[in-house]
All heavy atoms as atom14 arrays in JSON, in Angstrom:
{
  "sequence": "TFSSNDMAWFRHVPGKEREFVAAINWSGRVSDYADAVKGRFTIS",
  "atom14_mask": [
    [1, 1, 1, 1, 1, 1, 1, 0, 0, 0, 0, 0, 0, 0],
    [1, 1, 1, 1, 1, 1, 1, 1, 1, 1, 1, 0, 0, 0],
    [1, 1, 1, 1, 1, 1, 0, 0, 0, 0, 0, 0, 0, 0],
    [1, 1, 1, 1, 1, 1, 0, 0, 0, 0, 0, 0, 0, 0],
    [1, 1, 1, 1, 1, 1, 1, 1, 0, 0, 0, 0, 0, 0],
    [1, 1, 1, 1, 1, 1, 1, 1, 0, 0, 0, 0, 0, 0],
    [1, 1, 1, 1, 1, 1, 1, 1, 0, 0, 0, 0, 0, 0],
    [1, 1, 1, 1, 1, 0, 0, 0, 0, 0, 0, 0, 0, 0],
    [1, 1, 1, 1, 1, 1, 1, 1, 1, 1, 1, 1, 1, 1],
    [1, 1, 1, 1, 1, 1, 1, 1, 1, 1, 1, 0, 0, 0],
    [1, 1, 1, 1, 1, 1, 1, 1, 1, 1, 1, 0, 0, 0],
    [1, 1, 1, 1, 1, 1, 1, 1, 1, 1, 0, 0, 0, 0],
    [1, 1, 1, 1, 1, 1, 1, 0, 0, 0, 0, 0, 0, 0],
    [1, 1, 1, 1, 1, 1, 1, 0, 0, 0, 0, 0, 0, 0],
    [1, 1, 1, 1, 0, 0, 0, 0, 0, 0, 0, 0, 0, 0],
    [1, 1, 1, 1, 1, 1, 1, 1, 1, 0, 0, 0, 0, 0],
    [1, 1, 1, 1, 1, 1, 1, 1, 1, 0, 0, 0, 0, 0],
    [1, 1, 1, 1, 1, 1, 1, 1, 1, 1, 1, 0, 0, 0],
    [1, 1, 1, 1, 1, 1, 1, 1, 1, 0, 0, 0, 0, 0],
    [1, 1, 1, 1, 1, 1, 1, 1, 1, 1, 1, 0, 0, 0],
    [1, 1, 1, 1, 1, 1, 1, 0, 0, 0, 0, 0, 0, 0],
    [1, 1, 1, 1, 1, 0, 0, 0, 0, 0, 0, 0, 0, 0],
    [1, 1, 1, 1, 1, 0, 0, 0, 0, 0, 0, 0, 0, 0],
    [1, 1, 1, 1, 1, 1, 1, 1, 0, 0, 0, 0, 0, 0],
    [1, 1, 1, 1, 1, 1, 1, 1, 0, 0, 0, 0, 0, 0],
    [1, 1, 1, 1, 1, 1, 1, 1, 1, 1, 1, 1, 1, 1],
    [1, 1, 1, 1, 1, 1, 0, 0, 0, 0, 0, 0, 0, 0],
    [1, 1, 1, 1, 0, 0, 0, 0, 0, 0, 0, 0, 0, 0],
    [1, 1, 1, 1, 1, 1, 1, 1, 1, 1, 1, 0, 0, 0],
    [1, 1, 1, 1, 1, 1, 1, 0, 0, 0, 0, 0, 0, 0],
    [1, 1, 1, 1, 1, 1, 0, 0, 0, 0, 0, 0, 0, 0],
    [1, 1, 1, 1, 1, 1, 1, 1, 0, 0, 0, 0, 0, 0],
    [1, 1, 1, 1, 1, 1, 1, 1, 1, 1, 1, 1, 0, 0],
    [1, 1, 1, 1, 1, 0, 0, 0, 0, 0, 0, 0, 0, 0],
    [1, 1, 1, 1, 1, 1, 1, 1, 0, 0, 0, 0, 0, 0],
    [1, 1, 1, 1, 1, 0, 0, 0, 0, 0, 0, 0, 0, 0],
    [1, 1, 1, 1, 1, 1, 1, 0, 0, 0, 0, 0, 0, 0],
    [1, 1, 1, 1, 1, 1, 1, 1, 1, 0, 0, 0, 0, 0],
    [1, 1, 1, 1, 0, 0, 0, 0, 0, 0, 0, 0, 0, 0],
    [1, 1, 1, 1, 1, 1, 1, 1, 1, 1, 1, 0, 0, 0],
    [1, 1, 1, 1, 1, 1, 1, 1, 1, 1, 1, 0, 0, 0],
    [1, 1, 1, 1, 1, 1, 1, 0, 0, 0, 0, 0, 0, 0],
    [1, 1, 1, 1, 1, 1, 1, 1, 0, 0, 0, 0, 0, 0],
    [1, 1, 1, 1, 1, 1, 0, 0, 0, 0, 0, 0, 0, 0]
  ],
  "atom14_positions": [
    [[8.15, 11.12, 13.83], [9.09, 11.21, 12.7], [8.63, 10.36, 11.55], [8.52, 9.13, 11.69], [10.55, 10.88, 13.12], [10.96, 11.62, 14.24], [11.52, 11.1, 11.87], [0.0, 0.0, 0.0], [0.0, 0.0, 0.0], [0.0, 0.0, 0.0], [0.0, 0.0, 0.0], [0.0, 0.0, 0.0], [0.0, 0.0, 0.0], [0.0, 0.0, 0.0]],
    [[8.33, 11.06, 10.52], [7.76, 10.28, 9.33], [8.69, 9.12, 8.78], [8.18, 8.1, 8.51], [7.42, 11.22, 8.05], [6.77, 10.63, 7.04], [5.41, 10.16, 7.05], [7.46, 10.64, 5.76], [4.89, 9.65, 5.84], [6.89, 10.0, 4.7], [5.6, 9.58, 4.73], [0.0, 0.0, 0.0], [0.0, 0.0, 0.0], [0.0, 0.0, 0.0]],
    [[9.98, 9.38, 8.76], [10.91, 8.42, 8.2], [11.0, 7.18, 8.96], [11.58, 6.21, 8.47], [12.25, 9.13, 8.03], [12.81, 9.51, 9.18], [0.0, 0.0, 0.0], [0.0, 0.0, 0.0], [0.0, 0.0, 0.0], [0.0, 0.0, 0.0], [0.0, 0.0, 0.0], [0.0, 0.0, 0.0], [0.0, 0.0, 0.0], [0.0, 0.0, 0.0]],
    [[10.42, 7.27, 10.19], [10.46, 6.03, 11.0], [9.34, 5.03, 10.82], [9.31, 3.89, 11.31], [10.54, 6.29, 12.4], [9.35, 6.82, 12.93], [0.0, 0.0, 0.0], [0.0, 0.0, 0.0], [0.0, 0.0, 0.0], [0.0, 0.0, 0.0], [0.0, 0.0, 0.0], [0.0, 0.0, 0.0], [0.0, 0.0, 0.0], [0.0, 0.0, 0.0]],
    [[8.32, 5.45, 9.91], [7.13, 4.69, 9.68], [7.03, 3.98, 8.36], [7.34, 4.63, 7.34], [5.85, 5.68, 9.75], [5.84, 6.39, 11.13], [6.16, 5.77, 12.15], [5.29, 7.57, 11.06], [0.0, 0.0, 0.0], [0.0, 0.0, 0.0], [0.0, 0.0, 0.0], [0.0, 0.0, 0.0], [0.0, 0.0, 0.0], [0.0, 0.0, 0.0]],
    [[6.7, 2.77, 8.33], [6.16, 2.03, 7.11], [4.91, 2.68, 6.8], [4.12, 2.85, 7.72], [6.15, 0.52, 7.36], [7.5, -0.12, 7.59], [8.53, 0.5, 7.13], [7.5, -1.2, 8.16], [0.0, 0.0, 0.0], [0.0, 0.0, 0.0], [0.0, 0.0, 0.0], [0.0, 0.0, 0.0], [0.0, 0.0, 0.0], [0.0, 0.0, 0.0]],
    [[4.48, 2.76, 5.51], [3.26, 3.39, 5.18], [2.51, 2.44, 4.17], [3.17, 1.76, 3.46], [3.5, 4.66, 4.46], [4.15, 5.67, 5.45], [3.25, 6.35, 6.83], [1.9, 7.23, 5.93], [0.0, 0.0, 0.0], [0.0, 0.0, 0.0], [0.0, 0.0, 0.0], [0.0, 0.0, 0.0], [0.0, 0.0, 0.0], [0.0, 0.0, 0.0]],
    [[1.18, 2.61, 4.16], [0.47, 1.75, 3.16], [-0.83, 2.29, 2.74], [-1.34, 3.38, 3.43], [0.19, 0.29, 3.87], [0.0, 0.0, 0.0], [0.0, 0.0, 0.0], [0.0, 0.0, 0.0], [0.0, 0.0, 0.0], [0.0, 0.0, 0.0], [0.0, 0.0, 0.0], [0.0, 0.0, 0.0], [0.0, 0.0, 0.0], [0.0, 0.0, 0.0]],
    [[-1.46, 1.78, 1.74], [-2.86, 2.2, 1.33], [-3.67, 1.0, 1.35], [-3.24, -0.11, 0.95], [-2.72, 2.81, -0.07], [-2.16, 4.14, -0.24], [-0.89, 4.53, -0.57], [-2.85, 5.48, -0.07], [-0.76, 5.81, -0.53], [-1.85, 6.42, -0.26], [-4.14, 5.86, 0.39], [-2.15, 7.78, -0.17], [-4.42, 7.13, 0.5], [-3.46, 8.08, 0.26]],
    [[-4.9, 1.09, 1.91], [-5.91, 0.14, 1.87], [-7.17, 0.77, 1.29], [-7.28, 1.97, 1.18], [-6.21, -0.38, 3.28], [-5.05, -1.21, 3.86], [-4.0, -0.51, 4.39], [-5.02, -2.51, 3.94], [-2.89, -1.25, 5.08], [-3.98, -3.28, 4.52], [-2.95, -2.63, 5.12], [0.0, 0.0, 0.0], [0.0, 0.0, 0.0], [0.0, 0.0, 0.0]],
    [[-8.14, -0.13, 0.85], [-9.3, 0.36, 0.31], [-10.51, -0.47, 0.89], [-10.41, -1.68, 1.18], [-9.42, 0.36, -1.18], [-9.26, -0.91, -1.87], [-9.01, -0.74, -3.37], [-9.11, -2.03, -4.06], [-8.75, -2.1, -5.49], [-8.39, -1.07, -6.1], [-8.69, -3.36, -6.0], [0.0, 0.0, 0.0], [0.0, 0.0, 0.0], [0.0, 0.0, 0.0]],
    [[-11.67, 0.08, 0.98], [-12.81, -0.5, 1.43], [-14.01, -0.2, 0.66], [-14.27, 0.9, 0.39], [-12.93, -0.21, 2.98], [-14.26, -0.86, 3.56], [-15.41, -0.08, 3.9], [-14.48, -2.15, 3.92], [-16.31, -0.91, 4.38], [-15.73, -2.15, 4.42], [0.0, 0.0, 0.0], [0.0, 0.0, 0.0], [0.0, 0.0, 0.0], [0.0, 0.0, 0.0]],
    [[-14.88, -1.18, 0.37], [-16.16, -1.05, -0.29], [-17.28, -1.62, 0.81], [-17.07, -2.57, 1.24], [-16.18, -1.86, -1.57], [-17.58, -1.76, -2.24], [-15.24, -1.39, -2.52], [0.0, 0.0, 0.0], [0.0, 0.0, 0.0], [0.0, 0.0, 0.0], [0.0, 0.0, 0.0], [0.0, 0.0, 0.0], [0.0, 0.0, 0.0], [0.0, 0.0, 0.0]],
    [[-18.26, -0.92, 0.77], [-19.43, -1.25, 1.66], [-19.86, -2.74, 1.46], [-20.06, -3.11, 0.27], [-20.55, -0.16, 1.39], [-19.73, 0.99, 1.13], [-18.68, 0.46, 0.23], [0.0, 0.0, 0.0], [0.0, 0.0, 0.0], [0.0, 0.0, 0.0], [0.0, 0.0, 0.0], [0.0, 0.0, 0.0], [0.0, 0.0, 0.0], [0.0, 0.0, 0.0]],
    [[-19.93, -3.58, 2.44], [-20.33, -4.95, 2.25], [-19.14, -5.87, 1.86], [-19.39, -7.03, 1.85], [0.0, 0.0, 0.0], [0.0, 0.0, 0.0], [0.0, 0.0, 0.0], [0.0, 0.0, 0.0], [0.0, 0.0, 0.0], [0.0, 0.0, 0.0], [0.0, 0.0, 0.0], [0.0, 0.0, 0.0], [0.0, 0.0, 0.0], [0.0, 0.0, 0.0]],
    [[-17.99, -5.3, 1.79], [-16.86, -6.14, 1.57], [-15.68, -5.86, 2.63], [-15.87, -4.94, 3.32], [-16.34, -5.95, 0.26], [-17.25, -6.27, -1.06], [-16.62, -6.04, -2.33], [-15.53, -6.9, -2.57], [-14.91, -6.76, -3.99], [0.0, 0.0, 0.0], [0.0, 0.0, 0.0], [0.0, 0.0, 0.0], [0.0, 0.0, 0.0], [0.0, 0.0, 0.0]],
    [[-14.77, -6.73, 2.63], [-13.66, -6.68, 3.66], [-12.64, -5.54, 3.09], [-12.49, -5.34, 1.87], [-13.01, -7.95, 3.87], [-13.83, -9.02, 4.44], [-13.04, -10.37, 4.65], [-11.74, -10.25, 4.61], [-13.66, -11.31, 4.68], [0.0, 0.0, 0.0], [0.0, 0.0, 0.0], [0.0, 0.0, 0.0], [0.0, 0.0, 0.0], [0.0, 0.0, 0.0]],
    [[-12.04, -4.93, 4.02], [-11.06, -4.02, 3.65], [-9.87, -4.75, 3.04], [-9.51, -5.89, 3.54], [-10.53, -3.31, 5.03], [-9.44, -2.31, 4.69], [-8.94, -1.67, 6.18], [-8.52, -2.66, 6.99], [-8.35, -2.47, 8.26], [-8.46, -1.21, 8.83], [-7.89, -3.41, 9.1], [0.0, 0.0, 0.0], [0.0, 0.0, 0.0], [0.0, 0.0, 0.0]],
    [[-9.4, -4.19, 1.99], [-8.26, -4.88, 1.29], [-6.99, -4.08, 1.15], [-7.05, -2.83, 1.02], [-8.64, -5.49, 0.0], [-9.0, -4.29, -1.07], [-9.4, -4.86, -2.46], [-8.84, -5.97, -2.83], [-10.13, -4.21, -3.19], [0.0, 0.0, 0.0], [0.0, 0.0, 0.0], [0.0, 0.0, 0.0], [0.0, 0.0, 0.0], [0.0, 0.0, 0.0]],
    [[-5.9, -4.73, 1.22], [-4.69, -4.25, 1.05], [-4.4, -3.79, -0.37], [-4.79, -4.5, -1.37], [-3.44, -5.2, 1.43], [-2.08, -4.79, 0.95], [-1.42, -3.75, 1.7], [-1.51, -5.38, -0.19], [-0.07, -3.56, 1.3], [-0.18, -5.05, -0.53], [0.44, -4.12, 0.23], [0.0, 0.0, 0.0], [0.0, 0.0, 0.0], [0.0, 0.0, 0.0]],
    [[-3.85, -2.59, -0.58], [-3.54, -2.1, -1.98], [-2.03, -1.96, -2.32], [-1.52, -2.6, -3.24], [-4.23, -0.73, -2.15], [-3.74, -0.1, -3.43], [-5.64, -0.77, -2.02], [0.0, 0.0, 0.0], [0.0, 0.0, 0.0], [0.0, 0.0, 0.0], [0.0, 0.0, 0.0], [0.0, 0.0, 0.0], [0.0, 0.0, 0.0], [0.0, 0.0, 0.0]],
    [[-1.31, -1.21, -1.34], [0.05, -1.08, -1.61], [0.67, -0.57, -0.33], [0.11, -0.08, 0.57], [0.34, 0.02, -2.73], [0.0, 0.0, 0.0], [0.0, 0.0, 0.0], [0.0, 0.0, 0.0], [0.0, 0.0, 0.0], [0.0, 0.0, 0.0], [0.0, 0.0, 0.0], [0.0, 0.0, 0.0], [0.0, 0.0, 0.0], [0.0, 0.0, 0.0]],
    [[2.05, -0.89, -0.23], [2.75, -0.44, 1.01], [4.16, -0.14, 0.56], [4.77, -0.57, -0.46], [2.71, -1.53, 2.04], [0.0, 0.0, 0.0], [0.0, 0.0, 0.0], [0.0, 0.0, 0.0], [0.0, 0.0, 0.0], [0.0, 0.0, 0.0], [0.0, 0.0, 0.0], [0.0, 0.0, 0.0], [0.0, 0.0, 0.0], [0.0, 0.0, 0.0]],
    [[4.8, 0.74, 1.43], [6.26, 1.11, 1.25], [6.91, 1.27, 2.55], [6.24, 1.72, 3.61], [6.23, 2.45, 0.39], [7.75, 2.78, 0.01], [5.63, 3.61, 1.27], [7.73, 3.89, -1.06], [0.0, 0.0, 0.0], [0.0, 0.0, 0.0], [0.0, 0.0, 0.0], [0.0, 0.0, 0.0], [0.0, 0.0, 0.0], [0.0, 0.0, 0.0]],
    [[8.13, 0.7, 2.58], [8.84, 0.71, 3.94], [9.29, 2.19, 4.35], [9.21, 3.07, 3.5], [9.89, -0.35, 4.02], [11.15, 0.13, 3.32], [11.22, 0.97, 2.39], [12.34, -0.29, 3.89], [0.0, 0.0, 0.0], [0.0, 0.0, 0.0], [0.0, 0.0, 0.0], [0.0, 0.0, 0.0], [0.0, 0.0, 0.0], [0.0, 0.0, 0.0]],
    [[9.9, 2.3, 5.45], [10.21, 3.58, 6.03], [11.29, 4.32, 5.15], [11.2, 5.53, 5.07], [10.81, 3.46, 7.46], [12.06, 2.64, 7.44], [12.23, 1.24, 7.67], [13.5, 3.16, 7.37], [13.63, 1.01, 7.68], [14.34, 2.17, 7.54], [13.9, 4.51, 7.36], [15.71, 2.23, 7.48], [15.33, 4.71, 7.3], [16.13, 3.52, 7.28]],
    [[12.14, 3.74, 4.36], [13.16, 4.26, 3.65], [12.78, 4.5, 2.17], [13.41, 5.16, 1.47], [14.4, 3.44, 3.8], [14.24, 2.18, 3.1], [0.0, 0.0, 0.0], [0.0, 0.0, 0.0], [0.0, 0.0, 0.0], [0.0, 0.0, 0.0], [0.0, 0.0, 0.0], [0.0, 0.0, 0.0], [0.0, 0.0, 0.0], [0.0, 0.0, 0.0]],
    [[11.66, 3.77, 1.85], [11.22, 3.95, 0.45], [11.91, 2.94, -0.5], [11.52, 2.85, -1.63], [0.0, 0.0, 0.0], [0.0, 0.0, 0.0], [0.0, 0.0, 0.0], [0.0, 0.0, 0.0], [0.0, 0.0, 0.0], [0.0, 0.0, 0.0], [0.0, 0.0, 0.0], [0.0, 0.0, 0.0], [0.0, 0.0, 0.0], [0.0, 0.0, 0.0]],
    [[12.68, 2.06, 0.19], [13.47, 1.12, -0.67], [12.74, -0.17, -1.0], [13.09, -0.89, -1.93], [14.9, 0.78, 0.03], [15.73, 1.98, 0.15], [16.93, 1.65, 1.09], [17.59, 0.54, 0.86], [18.52, -0.14, 1.59], [18.75, 0.38, 2.83], [19.24, -1.11, 1.23], [0.0, 0.0, 0.0], [0.0, 0.0, 0.0], [0.0, 0.0, 0.0]],
    [[11.72, -0.48, -0.26], [10.92, -1.73, -0.48], [9.43, -1.36, -0.63], [8.9, -0.54, 0.26], [11.04, -2.63, 0.76], [10.26, -3.96, 0.56], [12.56, -3.01, 0.88], [0.0, 0.0, 0.0], [0.0, 0.0, 0.0], [0.0, 0.0, 0.0], [0.0, 0.0, 0.0], [0.0, 0.0, 0.0], [0.0, 0.0, 0.0], [0.0, 0.0, 0.0]],
    [[8.73, -1.93, -1.53], [7.38, -1.77, -1.71], [6.71, -3.06, -2.09], [7.32, -4.07, -2.5], [7.05, -0.65, -2.89], [7.57, -1.03, -4.14], [0.0, 0.0, 0.0], [0.0, 0.0, 0.0], [0.0, 0.0, 0.0], [0.0, 0.0, 0.0], [0.0, 0.0, 0.0], [0.0, 0.0, 0.0], [0.0, 0.0, 0.0], [0.0, 0.0, 0.0]],
    [[5.34, -3.05, -1.97], [4.57, -4.23, -2.24], [3.31, -3.75, -2.74], [2.77, -2.69, -2.29], [4.38, -5.06, -0.96], [3.9, -6.54, -1.27], [3.94, -6.96, -2.46], [3.26, -7.08, -0.3], [0.0, 0.0, 0.0], [0.0, 0.0, 0.0], [0.0, 0.0, 0.0], [0.0, 0.0, 0.0], [0.0, 0.0, 0.0], [0.0, 0.0, 0.0]],
    [[2.6, -4.6, -3.56], [1.34, -4.31, -4.2], [0.39, -5.49, -4.14], [0.92, -6.64, -4.4], [1.51, -3.81, -5.55], [2.32, -2.54, -5.84], [3.7, -2.64, -5.99], [1.77, -1.3, -5.75], [4.45, -1.47, -6.12], [2.4, -0.17, -5.9], [3.85, -0.25, -6.02], [4.46, 0.91, -6.16], [0.0, 0.0, 0.0], [0.0, 0.0, 0.0]],
    [[-0.88, -5.27, -4.13], [-1.76, -6.28, -4.45], [-1.82, -6.74, -5.78], [-1.54, -5.87, -6.66], [-3.22, -5.75, -3.98], [0.0, 0.0, 0.0], [0.0, 0.0, 0.0], [0.0, 0.0, 0.0], [0.0, 0.0, 0.0], [0.0, 0.0, 0.0], [0.0, 0.0, 0.0], [0.0, 0.0, 0.0], [0.0, 0.0, 0.0], [0.0, 0.0, 0.0]],
    [[-2.09, -7.91, -6.09], [-2.05, -8.43, -7.46], [-3.04, -7.55, -8.36], [-2.75, -7.42, -9.55], [-2.5, -9.89, -7.59], [-1.28, -10.82, -7.01], [-0.12, -10.41, -6.94], [-1.51, -11.99, -6.75], [0.0, 0.0, 0.0], [0.0, 0.0, 0.0], [0.0, 0.0, 0.0], [0.0, 0.0, 0.0], [0.0, 0.0, 0.0], [0.0, 0.0, 0.0]],
    [[-4.15, -7.11, -7.73], [-5.28, -6.54, -8.6], [-4.71, -5.14, -9.09], [-5.28, -4.6, -10.05], [-6.44, -6.32, -7.75], [0.0, 0.0, 0.0], [0.0, 0.0, 0.0], [0.0, 0.0, 0.0], [0.0, 0.0, 0.0], [0.0, 0.0, 0.0], [0.0, 0.0, 0.0], [0.0, 0.0, 0.0], [0.0, 0.0, 0.0], [0.0, 0.0, 0.0]],
    [[-3.69, -4.56, -8.43], [-3.24, -3.27, -8.96], [-1.8, -3.24, -9.48], [-1.4, -2.19, -9.9], [-3.3, -2.21, -7.72], [-4.78, -2.32, -7.12], [-2.26, -2.52, -6.7], [0.0, 0.0, 0.0], [0.0, 0.0, 0.0], [0.0, 0.0, 0.0], [0.0, 0.0, 0.0], [0.0, 0.0, 0.0], [0.0, 0.0, 0.0], [0.0, 0.0, 0.0]],
    [[-1.14, -4.28, -9.5], [0.3, -4.38, -9.92], [0.39, -3.91, -11.48], [-0.58, -4.33, -12.29], [0.79, -5.73, -9.89], [1.2, -6.16, -8.46], [1.81, -7.48, -8.38], [2.37, -7.86, -7.01], [2.85, -9.29, -6.92], [0.0, 0.0, 0.0], [0.0, 0.0, 0.0], [0.0, 0.0, 0.0], [0.0, 0.0, 0.0], [0.0, 0.0, 0.0]],
    [[1.15, -3.09, -11.74], [1.35, -2.53, -13.05], [0.56, -1.26, -13.32], [0.68, -0.65, -14.33], [0.0, 0.0, 0.0], [0.0, 0.0, 0.0], [0.0, 0.0, 0.0], [0.0, 0.0, 0.0], [0.0, 0.0, 0.0], [0.0, 0.0, 0.0], [0.0, 0.0, 0.0], [0.0, 0.0, 0.0], [0.0, 0.0, 0.0], [0.0, 0.0, 0.0]],
    [[-0.4, -0.89, -12.44], [-1.27, 0.25, -12.65], [-1.07, 1.19, -11.47], [-1.23, 2.37, -11.8], [-2.73, -0.21, -12.7], [-3.12, -1.15, -13.69], [-4.68, -1.47, -13.85], [-5.14, -2.06, -12.59], [-6.18, -1.59, -11.73], [-6.64, -0.27, -12.11], [-6.5, -2.15, -10.75], [0.0, 0.0, 0.0], [0.0, 0.0, 0.0], [0.0, 0.0, 0.0]],
    [[-0.77, 0.87, -10.38], [-0.54, 1.76, -9.15], [0.78, 1.77, -8.76], [1.58, 0.82, -8.91], [-1.46, 1.32, -7.99], [-2.98, 1.36, -8.17], [-3.48, 1.7, -9.51], [-3.74, 1.11, -7.05], [-4.97, 1.77, -9.45], [-5.1, 1.28, -7.1], [-5.77, 1.57, -8.33], [0.0, 0.0, 0.0], [0.0, 0.0, 0.0], [0.0, 0.0, 0.0]],
    [[1.27, 2.97, -8.34], [2.6, 3.14, -7.8], [2.5, 3.82, -6.55], [2.02, 4.92, -6.47], [3.43, 3.9, -8.77], [3.53, 3.32, -10.06], [4.86, 4.02, -8.28], [0.0, 0.0, 0.0], [0.0, 0.0, 0.0], [0.0, 0.0, 0.0], [0.0, 0.0, 0.0], [0.0, 0.0, 0.0], [0.0, 0.0, 0.0], [0.0, 0.0, 0.0]],
    [[3.25, 3.43, -5.49], [3.34, 4.0, -4.25], [4.63, 4.62, -4.12], [5.67, 3.92, -4.59], [3.0, 3.03, -3.0], [2.93, 3.73, -1.65], [4.09, 1.94, -2.89], [2.37, 3.0, -0.46], [0.0, 0.0, 0.0], [0.0, 0.0, 0.0], [0.0, 0.0, 0.0], [0.0, 0.0, 0.0], [0.0, 0.0, 0.0], [0.0, 0.0, 0.0]],
    [[4.74, 5.82, -3.54], [6.04, 6.46, -3.28], [5.92, 7.33, -2.14], [4.79, 7.58, -1.54], [6.27, 7.29, -4.51], [5.34, 8.32, -4.73], [0.0, 0.0, 0.0], [0.0, 0.0, 0.0], [0.0, 0.0, 0.0], [0.0, 0.0, 0.0], [0.0, 0.0, 0.0], [0.0, 0.0, 0.0], [0.0, 0.0, 0.0], [0.0, 0.0, 0.0]]
  ]
}
């Protein structure tokens, strides 16, 4: 059931560590963003 899952986006560049981008909780009421993308990216 999709609504039971927290969801997130990560990104990876060869030679670098995978990094967190954005996340949203199961209900969509709480979200979080990496500082590098705040104000530019929106998770929904």
